[in-house]
Amino acid sequence: MLRKAARLFSRPTVTVVASPRSRPLSTELQATTMADQMFVEAWRRVVPNIDPPKTPLSFMKPRPPVPPSIPSKLTVNFYLPYSSELSRKEVDMVIVPATTGQMVEAVPVDRIDSSLVQKGAMEFTQKLSSASTDYEKAEAQIGVDVYSALNSALLG
């Protein structure tokens, strides 16, 4: 066995030098639909009278072109569940002020029904008093806190 080892070590070794860019970056890849086209062609050969099903590639939009330089302005879109505040507005910078870090707005205050807020607050207060486990107490306390915050927002 040692005789064979000497022969193995005496063989010339081949070193492979990798090119500096052996694989392209993802931004350099072309958006091709070759596999999708091959599937559609195979489908039409087998079942010519039925339209081929949609594949994930058919739903993908082509990649937008990469700009040659960094744009001078930012494009801002700011959507709320009930309206669009900013849509495709070009700005220099975006500053979002917040003292607490909480910037959640689900609906405007004038769209909140105060009678439902009172009903929900009573419901979670009852759940809090009848809760037996720590999980139920924590869940009920969250409900009480949410409805208390809604109530104080309504009262101003």
Protein backbone atom coordinates (compact mmCIF):
# COMPACT_ATOMS: atom_id res chain seq x y z
CA MET A 1 0.00 0.00 0.00
CA LEU A 2 2.82 2.40 0.78
CA ARG A 3 4.35 1.69 -2.64
CA LYS A 4 1.16 2.92 -4.29
CA ALA A 5 1.08 6.02 -2.09
CA ALA A 6 4.50 7.10 -3.33
CA ARG A 7 3.27 6.81 -6.91
CA LEU A 8 0.17 8.88 -6.13
CA PHE A 9 2.21 11.66 -4.57
CA SER A 10 4.62 11.76 -7.47
CA ARG A 11 1.85 12.43 -10.04
CA PRO A 12 1.63 15.93 -11.39
CA THR A 13 -1.39 17.72 -10.04
CA VAL A 14 -3.65 19.81 -12.18
CA THR A 15 -4.61 23.16 -10.74
CA VAL A 16 -7.71 24.82 -12.01
CA VAL A 17 -7.67 28.58 -11.95
CA ALA A 18 -11.14 30.01 -11.60
CA SER A 19 -11.92 32.99 -13.71
CA PRO A 20 -12.43 36.18 -11.74
CA ARG A 21 -16.11 36.12 -12.70
CA SER A 22 -17.22 32.57 -13.14
CA ARG A 23 -20.91 33.31 -12.53
CA PRO A 24 -22.88 36.40 -13.46
CA LEU A 25 -24.59 38.43 -10.78
CA SER A 26 -28.36 38.20 -10.49
CA THR A 27 -28.75 41.69 -11.93
CA GLU A 28 -26.92 40.61 -15.06
CA LEU A 29 -29.15 37.63 -15.84
CA GLN A 30 -31.64 37.97 -18.62
CA ALA A 31 -35.25 37.22 -17.81
CA THR A 32 -35.84 34.23 -20.05
CA THR A 33 -38.95 32.17 -20.43
CA MET A 34 -37.37 29.31 -22.37
CA ALA A 35 -38.56 26.62 -19.95
CA ASP A 36 -42.07 28.07 -20.05
CA GLN A 37 -42.10 28.07 -23.85
CA MET A 38 -40.86 24.48 -23.94
CA PHE A 39 -43.65 23.44 -21.56
CA VAL A 40 -46.30 25.20 -23.66
CA GLU A 41 -45.03 23.54 -26.85
CA ALA A 42 -45.03 20.10 -25.21
CA TRP A 43 -48.54 20.74 -23.86
CA ARG A 44 -49.85 21.69 -27.30
CA ARG A 45 -48.41 18.50 -28.81
CA VAL A 46 -50.16 16.33 -26.23
CA VAL A 47 -53.42 18.26 -25.75
CA PRO A 48 -53.92 20.65 -28.68
CA ASN A 49 -57.56 21.52 -27.94
CA ILE A 50 -57.04 22.77 -24.33
CA ASP A 51 -55.20 25.96 -23.45
CA PRO A 52 -52.04 25.32 -21.44
CA PRO A 53 -52.15 26.14 -17.71
CA LYS A 54 -50.42 29.21 -16.37
CA THR A 55 -47.02 28.53 -14.86
CA PRO A 56 -45.20 30.68 -12.31
CA LEU A 57 -43.03 32.11 -15.09
CA SER A 58 -46.10 33.44 -16.89
CA PHE A 59 -47.03 35.53 -13.82
CA MET A 60 -43.57 37.04 -13.36
CA LYS A 61 -42.96 40.48 -14.74
CA PRO A 62 -39.71 41.14 -16.59
CA ARG A 63 -36.97 42.64 -14.51
CA PRO A 64 -36.77 46.43 -14.79
CA PRO A 65 -33.61 47.72 -16.43
CA VAL A 66 -30.78 48.61 -14.10
CA PRO A 67 -30.01 52.35 -14.30
CA PRO A 68 -26.43 53.17 -15.26
CA SER A 69 -26.07 55.51 -12.27
CA ILE A 70 -27.75 56.13 -8.93
CA PRO A 71 -30.88 58.27 -9.36
CA SER A 72 -30.83 61.74 -7.81
CA LYS A 73 -34.37 61.44 -6.38
CA LEU A 74 -36.25 58.73 -4.46
CA THR A 75 -39.65 57.56 -5.62
CA VAL A 76 -42.00 57.29 -2.63
CA ASN A 77 -45.28 55.41 -2.39
CA PHE A 78 -47.18 55.68 0.91
CA TYR A 79 -50.40 53.72 1.16
CA LEU A 80 -52.88 53.43 4.01
CA PRO A 81 -55.63 50.80 4.12
CA TYR A 82 -58.25 53.38 3.15
CA SER A 83 -56.34 55.78 0.86
CA SER A 84 -53.13 56.54 -0.98
CA GLU A 85 -51.25 59.46 0.57
CA LEU A 86 -48.29 59.53 -1.83
CA SER A 87 -48.05 57.80 -5.16
CA ARG A 88 -44.85 57.88 -7.24
CA LYS A 89 -43.72 61.17 -5.73
CA GLU A 90 -40.04 61.96 -6.31
CA VAL A 91 -38.31 63.36 -3.24
CA ASP A 92 -34.77 64.02 -2.03
CA MET A 93 -35.18 62.26 1.32
CA VAL A 94 -37.83 60.73 3.58
CA ILE A 95 -38.00 61.61 7.27
CA VAL A 96 -40.54 59.74 9.37
CA PRO A 97 -40.87 61.41 12.78
CA ALA A 98 -41.98 59.29 15.70
CA THR A 99 -41.34 59.66 19.41
CA THR A 100 -42.62 56.23 20.40
CA GLY A 101 -41.70 54.22 17.31
CA GLN A 102 -45.35 53.28 16.81
CA MET A 103 -46.68 54.55 13.50
CA VAL A 104 -49.73 52.35 12.91
CA GLU A 105 -52.87 53.87 11.47
CA ALA A 106 -55.62 51.48 10.48
CA VAL A 107 -58.54 53.89 9.95
CA PRO A 108 -59.27 57.55 10.62
CA VAL A 109 -60.74 58.25 14.04
CA ASP A 110 -63.98 59.59 12.57
CA ARG A 111 -64.66 56.15 11.06
CA ILE A 112 -64.55 54.36 14.44
CA ASP A 113 -67.93 53.54 16.01
CA SER A 114 -67.83 54.56 19.68
CA SER A 115 -70.60 52.15 20.68
CA LEU A 116 -68.59 49.21 19.32
CA VAL A 117 -65.53 50.44 21.19
CA GLN A 118 -67.52 50.53 24.45
CA LYS A 119 -68.90 47.05 23.77
CA GLY A 120 -65.43 45.65 23.04
CA ALA A 121 -63.96 47.26 26.14
CA MET A 122 -66.66 45.70 28.32
CA GLU A 123 -66.19 42.31 26.66
CA PHE A 124 -62.42 42.24 27.28
CA THR A 125 -62.83 43.57 30.83
CA GLN A 126 -65.12 40.59 31.55
CA LYS A 127 -62.62 38.23 29.93
CA LEU A 128 -59.85 39.70 32.09
CA SER A 129 -61.81 39.16 35.30
CA SER A 130 -62.72 35.57 34.38
CA ALA A 131 -59.34 34.54 32.94
CA SER A 132 -57.77 31.56 34.67
CA THR A 133 -54.42 31.10 32.92
CA ASP A 134 -51.62 33.59 32.36
CA TYR A 135 -52.16 33.32 28.60
CA GLU A 136 -55.86 34.20 28.87
CA LYS A 137 -55.02 37.09 31.22
CA ALA A 138 -52.40 38.47 28.82
CA GLU A 139 -54.75 38.11 25.85
CA ALA A 140 -57.55 39.88 27.69
CA GLN A 141 -55.20 42.61 28.93
CA ILE A 142 -54.12 43.31 25.33
CA GLY A 143 -57.78 43.67 24.36
CA VAL A 144 -58.43 46.03 27.26
CA ASP A 145 -55.38 48.13 26.30
CA VAL A 146 -56.42 48.33 22.64
CA TYR A 147 -60.00 49.34 23.40
CA SER A 148 -58.79 51.85 26.03
CA ALA A 149 -56.50 53.44 23.44
CA LEU A 150 -59.37 53.56 20.92
CA ASN A 151 -61.67 55.12 23.51
CA SER A 152 -59.15 57.80 24.46
CA ALA A 153 -58.53 58.57 20.77
CA LEU A 154 -62.28 59.06 20.29
CA LEU A 155 -62.63 61.29 23.34
CA GLY A 156 -59.70 63.38 22.19
